[in-house]
Protein backbone atom coordinates (compact mmCIF):
# COMPACT_ATOMS: atom_id res chain seq x y z
CA UNK A 1 79.00 36.77 125.20
CA UNK A 2 75.98 38.96 125.41
CA UNK A 3 73.31 36.30 125.77
CA UNK A 4 70.95 38.55 127.65
CA UNK A 5 69.88 39.57 124.18
CA UNK A 6 68.61 36.07 123.47
CA UNK A 7 65.93 36.24 126.14
CA UNK A 8 64.52 39.73 126.13
CA UNK A 9 64.35 40.23 122.33
CA UNK A 10 61.10 41.45 120.85
CA UNK A 11 61.38 40.12 117.30
CA UNK A 12 64.11 39.87 114.72
CA UNK A 13 63.62 41.74 111.49
CA UNK A 14 65.35 41.07 108.22
CA UNK A 15 67.85 43.71 107.24
CA UNK A 16 66.80 46.23 104.65
CA UNK A 17 68.72 46.79 101.44
CA UNK A 18 70.02 50.07 102.83
CA UNK A 19 71.86 48.42 105.70
CA UNK A 20 75.64 48.82 105.19
CA UNK A 21 77.72 45.62 105.05
CA UNK A 22 79.99 44.94 108.02
CA UNK A 23 83.60 46.10 107.51
CA UNK A 24 86.07 45.96 110.38
CA UNK A 25 86.91 49.39 111.80
CA UNK A 26 90.64 50.00 111.40
CA UNK A 27 91.36 53.73 111.26
CA UNK A 28 90.76 56.73 113.49
CA UNK A 29 88.67 58.30 110.73
CA UNK A 30 86.33 55.30 110.74
CA UNK A 31 86.12 55.36 114.53
CA UNK A 32 85.17 59.03 114.47
CA UNK A 33 82.56 58.47 111.74
CA UNK A 34 80.95 55.57 113.62
CA UNK A 35 81.11 57.34 116.98
CA UNK A 36 79.40 60.45 115.64
CA UNK A 37 76.58 58.38 114.13
CA UNK A 38 76.29 56.36 117.35
CA UNK A 39 75.85 59.58 119.36
CA UNK A 40 73.39 61.03 116.84
CA UNK A 41 71.12 57.98 117.05
CA UNK A 42 71.11 58.03 120.83
CA UNK A 43 70.27 61.73 120.85
CA UNK A 44 67.39 61.29 118.45
CA UNK A 45 65.83 58.10 119.76
CA UNK A 46 66.66 57.23 123.37
CA UNK A 47 63.71 58.40 125.51
CA UNK A 48 65.40 58.26 128.91
CA UNK A 49 67.67 61.31 129.10
CA UNK A 50 65.13 63.08 131.30
CA UNK A 51 64.86 60.10 133.66
CA UNK A 52 68.59 59.67 134.20
CA UNK A 53 69.56 63.37 134.07
CA UNK A 54 72.67 62.52 132.04
CA UNK A 55 75.08 65.31 131.20
CA UNK A 56 75.16 64.27 127.58
CA UNK A 57 77.70 66.84 126.36
CA UNK A 58 80.13 65.80 129.08
CA UNK A 59 79.59 62.09 128.40
CA UNK A 60 80.16 62.54 124.67
CA UNK A 61 83.31 64.55 125.28
CA UNK A 62 84.72 61.98 127.72
CA UNK A 63 84.32 59.07 125.33
CA UNK A 64 85.38 61.08 122.33
CA UNK A 65 88.72 61.55 124.11
CA UNK A 66 88.92 57.84 124.94
CA UNK A 67 88.18 56.81 121.37
CA UNK A 68 90.95 59.05 120.01
CA UNK A 69 93.43 56.92 121.97
CA UNK A 70 92.07 53.51 120.87
CA UNK A 71 93.83 51.48 118.21
CA UNK A 72 91.47 48.58 117.47
CA UNK A 73 87.79 47.84 116.86
CA UNK A 74 87.75 45.70 120.00
CA UNK A 75 88.74 48.69 122.16
CA UNK A 76 86.33 50.92 120.26
CA UNK A 77 83.43 48.53 120.93
CA UNK A 78 84.32 48.24 124.61
CA UNK A 79 84.32 52.03 124.98
CA UNK A 80 80.89 52.30 123.35
CA UNK A 81 79.54 49.57 125.61
CA UNK A 82 80.87 51.33 128.69
CA UNK A 83 79.21 54.51 127.47
CA UNK A 84 75.88 52.74 126.94
CA UNK A 85 76.07 51.31 130.47
CA UNK A 86 75.46 54.88 131.67
CA UNK A 87 71.86 54.50 130.51
CA UNK A 88 71.38 51.51 132.85
CA UNK A 89 69.01 49.74 130.47
CA UNK A 90 69.33 46.10 129.37
CA UNK A 91 67.69 47.06 126.05
CA UNK A 92 70.53 49.43 125.20
CA UNK A 93 73.42 47.54 123.58
CA UNK A 94 75.93 47.24 120.75
CA UNK A 95 76.02 44.08 118.62
CA UNK A 96 79.06 42.87 116.69
CA UNK A 97 79.75 39.81 114.52
CA UNK A 98 81.98 38.33 117.25
CA UNK A 99 79.60 38.29 120.21
CA UNK A 100 78.73 34.57 120.12
CA UNK A 101 75.16 35.63 120.88
CA UNK A 102 71.92 34.83 119.12
CA UNK A 103 71.55 38.49 118.14
CA UNK A 104 74.94 38.31 116.47
CA UNK A 105 74.04 35.02 114.79
CA UNK A 106 70.76 36.33 113.40
CA UNK A 107 71.97 39.76 112.31
CA UNK A 108 75.40 38.91 110.92
CA UNK A 109 75.72 35.19 110.18
CA UNK A 110 72.33 33.86 109.04
CA UNK A 111 70.77 34.00 105.61
CA UNK A 112 67.02 34.14 105.33
CA UNK A 113 66.33 33.59 109.04
CA UNK A 114 64.62 36.69 110.32
CA UNK A 115 62.52 35.20 113.10
CA UNK A 116 63.55 34.27 116.62
CA UNK A 117 61.78 31.29 118.16
CA UNK A 118 62.38 29.04 121.11
CA UNK A 119 63.00 26.01 118.88
CA UNK A 120 66.03 27.80 117.39
CA UNK A 121 67.40 28.56 120.83
CA UNK A 122 66.92 25.00 122.08
CA UNK A 123 68.54 23.57 118.95
CA UNK A 124 71.69 25.70 119.07
CA UNK A 125 72.22 26.62 122.71
CA UNK A 126 72.56 24.84 126.03
CA UNK A 127 72.09 25.57 129.72
CA UNK A 128 73.54 24.57 133.08
CA UNK A 129 72.14 21.70 135.21
CA UNK A 130 71.11 24.21 137.89
CA UNK A 131 68.90 27.28 138.28
CA UNK A 132 69.16 30.56 140.18
CA UNK A 133 66.66 32.77 141.92
CA UNK A 134 67.15 36.09 143.71
CA UNK A 135 67.01 36.01 147.53
CA UNK A 136 67.78 39.14 149.56
CA UNK A 137 69.26 40.77 146.42
CA UNK A 138 71.68 37.87 145.89
CA UNK A 139 71.50 35.13 143.23
CA UNK A 140 71.21 31.73 144.88
CA UNK A 141 71.01 28.21 143.52
CA UNK A 142 67.33 27.17 143.63
CA UNK A 143 67.64 23.83 141.81
CA UNK A 144 70.43 21.44 140.83
CA UNK A 145 70.37 18.09 139.06
CA UNK A 146 71.58 15.51 141.60
CA UNK A 147 73.41 13.50 138.93
CA UNK A 148 75.37 16.47 137.58
CA UNK A 149 79.11 16.96 138.02
CA UNK A 150 78.41 20.29 139.73
CA UNK A 151 76.35 18.54 142.41
CA UNK A 152 79.00 15.88 142.90
CA UNK A 153 81.59 18.68 143.29
CA UNK A 154 79.67 20.21 146.19
CA UNK A 155 77.28 22.73 144.65
CA UNK A 156 73.98 22.69 146.50
CA UNK A 157 70.73 24.61 146.83
CA UNK A 158 71.15 27.87 148.74
CA UNK A 159 74.72 28.62 147.65
CA UNK A 160 75.27 32.20 146.50
CA UNK A 161 76.94 33.09 143.21
CA UNK A 162 79.75 35.59 143.87
CA UNK A 163 82.02 35.62 140.79
CA UNK A 164 81.86 34.92 137.05
CA UNK A 165 85.08 34.37 135.12
CA UNK A 166 87.06 35.83 138.01
CA UNK A 167 85.03 39.06 138.25
CA UNK A 168 82.58 40.00 140.99
CA UNK A 169 79.00 40.32 139.82
CA UNK A 170 78.99 44.11 139.72
CA UNK A 171 82.07 44.27 137.49
CA UNK A 172 80.93 41.40 135.32
CA UNK A 173 77.54 43.00 134.86
CA UNK A 174 79.10 46.26 133.70
CA UNK A 175 81.63 44.68 131.36
CA UNK A 176 79.02 42.40 129.82
CA UNK A 177 76.59 45.22 129.40
CA UNK A 178 73.61 43.84 131.21
CA UNK A 179 72.16 46.67 133.23
CA UNK A 180 68.90 47.74 134.79
CA UNK A 181 67.60 50.90 136.40
CA UNK A 182 66.79 49.15 139.65
CA UNK A 183 69.94 48.11 141.49
CA UNK A 184 68.22 45.24 143.25
CA UNK A 185 67.05 43.73 139.96
CA UNK A 186 70.44 43.82 138.25
CA UNK A 187 71.74 40.47 139.46
CA UNK A 188 68.38 38.83 138.87
CA UNK A 189 68.54 39.82 135.21
CA UNK A 190 72.15 38.72 134.97
CA UNK A 191 71.58 35.29 136.45
CA UNK A 192 68.19 34.44 135.02
CA UNK A 193 68.93 35.75 131.54
CA UNK A 194 72.60 35.98 130.73
CA UNK A 195 73.69 32.72 132.36
CA UNK A 196 70.72 30.58 131.47
CA UNK A 197 71.60 29.98 127.83
CA UNK A 198 75.02 29.72 126.21
CA UNK A 199 76.68 28.22 123.16
CA UNK A 200 76.62 24.45 123.55
CA UNK A 201 79.96 23.27 124.97
CA UNK A 202 81.13 26.70 126.13
CA UNK A 203 82.36 26.94 129.73
CA UNK A 204 82.20 29.59 132.45
CA UNK A 205 84.25 29.82 135.62
CA UNK A 206 81.73 30.38 138.45
CA UNK A 207 82.50 31.09 142.11
CA UNK A 208 80.03 30.29 144.90
CA UNK A 209 79.85 30.78 148.66
CA UNK A 210 77.60 29.44 151.42
CA UNK A 211 76.36 30.93 154.69
CA UNK A 212 78.94 28.98 156.69
CA UNK A 213 81.79 30.53 154.73
CA UNK A 214 82.51 27.66 152.35
CA UNK A 215 83.71 28.74 148.91
CA UNK A 216 83.58 26.74 145.71
CA UNK A 217 84.91 27.40 142.20
CA UNK A 218 83.56 25.39 139.30
CA UNK A 219 84.13 25.32 135.56
CA UNK A 220 80.55 24.86 134.35
CA UNK A 221 79.68 23.82 130.81
CA UNK A 222 76.58 24.70 128.80
CA UNK A 223 74.86 21.60 127.44
CA UNK A 224 71.74 21.08 125.33
CA UNK A 225 70.77 18.11 127.49
CA UNK A 226 70.08 20.54 130.34
CA UNK A 227 67.54 22.58 128.35
CA UNK A 228 64.77 20.61 130.05
CA UNK A 229 65.37 22.99 132.97
CA UNK A 230 64.09 25.88 130.88
CA UNK A 231 60.95 25.37 132.98
CA UNK A 232 61.20 25.63 136.77
CA UNK A 233 61.58 22.01 138.02
CA UNK A 234 60.20 22.90 141.49
CA UNK A 235 56.75 23.33 139.93
CA UNK A 236 56.44 19.56 139.43
CA UNK A 237 56.06 19.25 143.20
CA UNK A 238 52.83 21.27 143.10
CA UNK A 239 51.21 20.51 139.75
CA UNK A 240 49.74 17.16 138.79
CA UNK A 241 49.41 15.97 135.18
CA UNK A 242 51.95 18.63 134.15
CA UNK A 243 52.15 18.96 130.38
CA UNK A 244 55.21 20.59 128.76
CA UNK A 245 54.66 22.20 125.39
CA UNK A 246 57.21 24.17 123.39
CA UNK A 247 56.29 27.62 124.72
CA UNK A 248 54.56 26.85 128.04
CA UNK A 249 53.63 24.17 130.56
CA UNK A 250 50.33 23.67 132.34
CA UNK A 251 48.32 21.35 134.57
CA UNK A 252 46.13 21.16 137.67
CA UNK A 253 47.15 22.06 141.20
CA UNK A 254 43.75 20.81 142.33
CA UNK A 255 40.58 20.06 140.40
CA UNK A 256 39.54 23.68 140.97
CA UNK A 257 42.89 25.42 140.44
CA UNK A 258 44.78 25.41 137.17
CA UNK A 259 48.37 26.45 136.52
CA UNK A 260 50.07 27.85 133.39
CA UNK A 261 53.76 28.71 133.25
CA UNK A 262 54.78 31.02 130.39
CA UNK A 263 58.61 31.15 130.44
CA UNK A 264 58.92 33.28 127.28
CA UNK A 265 57.01 35.38 124.78
CA UNK A 266 59.62 34.69 122.11
CA UNK A 267 57.95 33.54 118.91
CA UNK A 268 56.49 34.57 115.61
CA UNK A 269 54.40 37.71 115.25
CA UNK A 270 50.77 37.22 116.30
CA UNK A 271 48.23 39.25 114.28
CA UNK A 272 45.74 41.34 116.22
CA UNK A 273 43.10 39.12 117.79
CA UNK A 274 39.76 40.93 117.63
CA UNK A 275 36.14 39.97 117.17
CA UNK A 276 33.74 41.87 114.91
CA UNK A 277 30.11 41.36 113.94
CA UNK A 278 31.20 39.46 110.85
CA UNK A 279 34.17 37.33 111.82
CA UNK A 280 36.84 36.39 114.33
CA UNK A 281 40.55 36.70 113.70
CA UNK A 282 42.39 33.59 114.89
CA UNK A 283 46.03 32.65 115.37
CA UNK A 284 46.55 29.62 113.20
CA UNK A 285 50.10 30.73 112.45
CA UNK A 286 51.32 31.43 115.98
CA UNK A 287 52.50 28.52 118.10
CA UNK A 288 52.60 30.46 121.39
CA UNK A 289 48.97 31.53 121.17
CA UNK A 290 47.73 28.16 119.93
CA UNK A 291 49.39 26.44 122.88
CA UNK A 292 47.91 28.94 125.34
CA UNK A 293 44.49 28.38 123.80
CA UNK A 294 44.90 24.61 124.25
CA UNK A 295 45.85 25.08 127.91
CA UNK A 296 42.89 27.40 128.56
CA UNK A 297 40.46 24.93 126.97
CA UNK A 298 41.78 22.03 129.04
CA UNK A 299 41.60 24.09 132.24
CA UNK A 300 38.18 25.61 131.45
CA UNK A 301 36.41 23.71 134.25
CA UNK A 302 38.65 25.09 136.98
CA UNK A 303 37.47 27.86 139.30
CA UNK A 304 40.67 29.87 138.85
CA UNK A 305 44.09 29.78 137.18
CA UNK A 306 47.55 30.80 138.36
CA UNK A 307 49.63 32.22 135.48
CA UNK A 308 53.36 32.19 136.19
CA UNK A 309 55.57 34.67 134.28
CA UNK A 310 58.45 34.76 136.76
CA UNK A 311 61.81 34.97 134.97
CA UNK A 312 60.04 35.51 131.64
CA UNK A 313 62.43 37.93 129.93
CA UNK A 314 60.01 38.96 127.20
CA UNK A 315 59.69 38.49 123.45
CA UNK A 316 57.12 39.76 120.98
CA UNK A 317 54.47 42.10 122.39
CA UNK A 318 51.87 40.89 119.90
CA UNK A 319 51.98 37.46 121.61
CA UNK A 320 51.32 38.90 125.06
CA UNK A 321 48.50 41.05 123.58
CA UNK A 322 46.89 37.97 122.09
CA UNK A 323 47.18 35.91 125.27
CA UNK A 324 45.56 38.65 127.38
CA UNK A 325 42.65 38.78 124.94
CA UNK A 326 41.59 35.32 126.18
CA UNK A 327 41.14 36.77 129.67
CA UNK A 328 39.19 40.04 129.17
CA UNK A 329 35.53 40.80 128.62
CA UNK A 330 35.56 44.55 128.12
CA UNK A 331 37.72 47.39 126.90
CA UNK A 332 40.94 47.14 128.90
CA UNK A 333 43.92 49.48 129.17
CA UNK A 334 47.04 47.55 128.19
CA UNK A 335 49.75 50.18 128.69
CA UNK A 336 50.61 53.80 127.87
CA UNK A 337 53.58 54.46 125.58
CA UNK A 338 55.50 57.65 124.84
CA UNK A 339 58.08 57.99 122.04
CA UNK A 340 60.69 60.72 121.93
CA UNK A 341 60.15 61.55 118.25
CA UNK A 342 56.35 61.59 118.60
CA UNK A 343 55.98 58.63 116.24
CA UNK A 344 54.77 55.15 117.06
CA UNK A 345 56.00 51.65 116.13
CA UNK A 346 56.92 50.99 112.49
CA UNK A 347 57.11 54.70 111.65
CA UNK A 348 60.84 55.13 112.19
CA UNK A 349 62.23 52.72 109.61
CA UNK A 350 63.97 49.67 110.97
CA UNK A 351 67.55 48.85 110.04
CA UNK A 352 67.53 51.50 107.35
CA UNK A 353 69.11 54.88 106.82
CA UNK A 354 65.86 56.77 107.43
CA UNK A 355 65.86 58.48 110.82
CA UNK A 356 64.12 61.54 112.20
CA UNK A 357 66.23 64.62 111.65
CA UNK A 358 65.24 66.69 114.66
CA UNK A 359 64.59 65.94 118.30
CA UNK A 360 61.18 66.80 119.70
CA UNK A 361 60.82 67.23 123.47
CA UNK A 362 58.36 65.12 125.39
CA UNK A 363 54.92 66.46 126.15
CA UNK A 364 51.61 64.93 127.19
CA UNK A 365 50.36 64.73 123.59
CA UNK A 366 53.20 62.31 122.84
CA UNK A 367 51.52 59.72 125.04
CA UNK A 368 49.41 57.07 123.39
CA UNK A 369 47.07 54.76 125.29
CA UNK A 370 46.83 51.18 124.03
CA UNK A 371 43.51 49.46 124.71
CA UNK A 372 42.20 45.99 124.01
CA UNK A 373 38.63 44.75 123.66
CA UNK A 374 37.58 41.12 123.40
CA UNK A 375 35.01 38.67 124.71
CA UNK A 376 37.51 36.32 126.34
CA UNK A 377 37.26 32.56 126.81
CA UNK A 378 38.30 32.47 130.50
CA UNK A 379 36.82 35.12 132.79
CA UNK A 380 37.26 33.45 136.18
CA UNK A 381 39.77 34.58 138.87
CA UNK A 382 43.44 34.71 137.86
CA UNK A 383 46.57 35.19 139.96
CA UNK A 384 49.72 36.22 138.09
CA UNK A 385 53.14 35.38 139.61
CA UNK A 386 55.92 37.89 138.86
CA UNK A 387 59.48 38.62 140.01
CA UNK A 388 62.63 40.67 139.25
CA UNK A 389 63.30 38.50 136.20
CA UNK A 390 59.98 39.50 134.62
CA UNK A 391 61.23 41.87 131.94
CA UNK A 392 60.42 43.75 128.76
CA UNK A 393 57.26 42.44 127.01
CA UNK A 394 56.43 40.57 130.21
CA UNK A 395 56.08 43.92 131.95
CA UNK A 396 53.51 45.17 129.46
CA UNK A 397 51.75 41.83 129.99
CA UNK A 398 51.72 42.55 133.75
CA UNK A 399 50.50 46.07 132.99
CA UNK A 400 47.52 44.67 131.10
CA UNK A 401 46.76 42.09 133.79
CA UNK A 402 46.68 44.79 136.47
CA UNK A 403 43.73 46.38 134.63
CA UNK A 404 41.65 43.18 134.48
CA UNK A 405 39.13 43.07 137.38
CA UNK A 406 39.41 39.28 137.75
CA UNK A 407 43.24 39.30 138.00
CA UNK A 408 45.59 39.75 140.95
CA UNK A 409 49.37 40.04 140.63
CA UNK A 410 51.62 38.51 143.29
CA UNK A 411 55.37 38.40 143.93
CA UNK A 412 57.90 41.24 143.76
CA UNK A 413 58.34 44.27 141.50
CA UNK A 414 59.39 43.51 137.92
CA UNK A 415 62.71 44.48 136.33
CA UNK A 416 61.81 47.97 135.10
CA UNK A 417 62.66 47.88 131.39
CA UNK A 418 59.99 47.72 128.74
CA UNK A 419 61.31 50.18 126.22
CA UNK A 420 60.42 48.81 122.75
CA UNK A 421 63.99 48.80 121.35
CA UNK A 422 65.02 48.60 117.73
CA UNK A 423 68.21 47.97 115.74
CA UNK A 424 70.15 50.66 113.85
CA UNK A 425 73.34 50.16 111.80
CA UNK A 426 76.47 52.26 112.12
CA UNK A 427 78.42 53.17 108.96
CA UNK A 428 80.80 50.18 109.22
CA UNK A 429 77.93 47.75 109.86
CA UNK A 430 78.00 47.38 113.64
CA UNK A 431 74.48 47.52 115.07
CA UNK A 432 73.32 49.57 118.03
CA UNK A 433 70.14 48.56 119.84
CA UNK A 434 68.32 51.59 121.22
CA UNK A 435 65.25 51.78 123.50
CA UNK A 436 62.61 54.09 122.00
CA UNK A 437 59.65 54.17 124.36
CA UNK A 438 58.80 55.21 127.87
CA UNK A 439 56.13 52.78 129.01
CA UNK A 440 53.56 53.38 131.74
CA UNK A 441 51.50 50.66 133.43
CA UNK A 442 49.04 53.33 134.56
CA UNK A 443 48.71 57.09 134.32
CA UNK A 444 52.05 58.62 135.44
CA UNK A 445 53.25 55.22 136.74
CA UNK A 446 56.29 54.37 134.67
CA UNK A 447 57.64 50.87 134.03
CA UNK A 448 61.11 52.13 133.07
CA UNK A 449 63.31 52.36 136.15
CA UNK A 450 60.45 51.63 138.58
CA UNK A 451 59.04 48.31 137.35
CA UNK A 452 55.49 47.01 137.74
CA UNK A 453 54.64 46.45 141.42
CA UNK A 454 52.57 43.41 142.42
CA UNK A 455 49.18 43.77 144.08
CA UNK A 456 50.43 41.40 146.81
CA UNK A 457 54.14 41.46 147.70
CA UNK A 458 55.68 38.08 148.61
CA UNK A 459 59.45 37.48 148.71
CA UNK A 460 61.27 34.17 148.44
CA UNK A 461 63.56 33.26 151.37
CA UNK A 462 66.75 31.22 151.57
CA UNK A 463 65.16 28.73 153.96
CA UNK A 464 62.33 28.24 151.46
CA UNK A 465 64.88 27.23 148.82
CA UNK A 466 66.60 24.80 151.18
CA UNK A 467 63.25 23.18 151.91
CA UNK A 468 62.29 23.07 148.23
CA UNK A 469 59.34 25.39 148.77
CA UNK A 470 57.87 27.94 146.38
CA UNK A 471 56.35 30.40 148.86
CA UNK A 472 54.99 32.69 146.15
CA UNK A 473 53.11 29.85 144.49
CA UNK A 474 51.94 28.56 147.86
CA UNK A 475 50.48 31.98 148.74
CA UNK A 476 48.71 32.08 145.37
CA UNK A 477 47.21 28.63 146.05
CA UNK A 478 46.08 29.78 149.50
CA UNK A 479 44.33 32.82 148.00
CA UNK A 480 42.68 30.71 145.31
CA UNK A 481 41.41 28.27 147.96
CA UNK A 482 39.74 31.17 149.74
């Protein structure tokens, strides 16, 4: 399963009439045809050859040889996925009808459903009765339901995940195609994204260890009843009158300090929110933005708000744009984007047969600065919590927040992948997802590979987990009190 795709998706688009129908690949001729198109698309669109210094001719030749010795579509797909892992980008993937993922469901098995939303995920997928966080570059259990079978079997807070389905994390990460530029963020993305949601009733064999050498193997089952842990349960210790909406939760830490947790930007497209002399454009059709507006109004009397986007794996950028517009009072740099083919979003032709025919090298004039201007509703101090699981659209959100004078970011550097991917069909109907943009959070400060650094760096420790403490949130509260 490639469920990482569920969390960090931007937005699903309905397939155009030119998209070829899926037909199983059975012959060497078909493999060669699909491989050549796969390589052509990567050459034309992927913006990160210069970052990774890939010997592309050698890579193509190596996998061309491998593909000539394959005899099934399954082997062909595995070879392409191994090849894509070279790019070390979680937005770079291959989608098939048999992935048991939400991408696969939406692109191959659904009729008329072209929009991804959190209600769909909650209705069709489940989660485990425990949560992970990254401590000292290792995924550790940060919460577990005390009535769960896993707890009764000996799983406890602070235990480290060491294997999945019999593979160590490094091997599992590679084979399941979830990769990041930053080595230290790789397991965070794997645990917080890939393992959080799964098909209801499906099981995974997980191996754990503890500091005293104890080892534990458990067959853990995804269940919809555990989806209430989509939000971090530890927060309830700090926030009174906590209200859980579909796309966020919020409440008061004190009378003067508000708290908003945004676990996802997945949702329907939000039209540009801008104010002119004549009218104001509102978001009556977007649930995410309406719920954020409700939270801001209820917390309007506070002296400051902590916005928590830790482990938010992204979604639709238009939603994060709209949410930031509530918090700015002047023209604000949001991010800087650079596309390999010198075009910008919506100019390439999504899921169609129209592609650029020649590759243009990068230069400074390919960069485009994205600004926002709005007279926001909440202009008091803000602290934004971030971590290694803050990915994709969440990183452009962090980029925008770093340019707001009233905002401070706190935590650890984000995942390092905000590449505006899109979907492109191969001749037999398989779909390759290709990153298209190099994104900068400031001039010459790239998000890809490097991530967005916090203004104040605070790490979580194993002892903090054992004590049920959220040291990052506690530091944010301390700063707000001052």
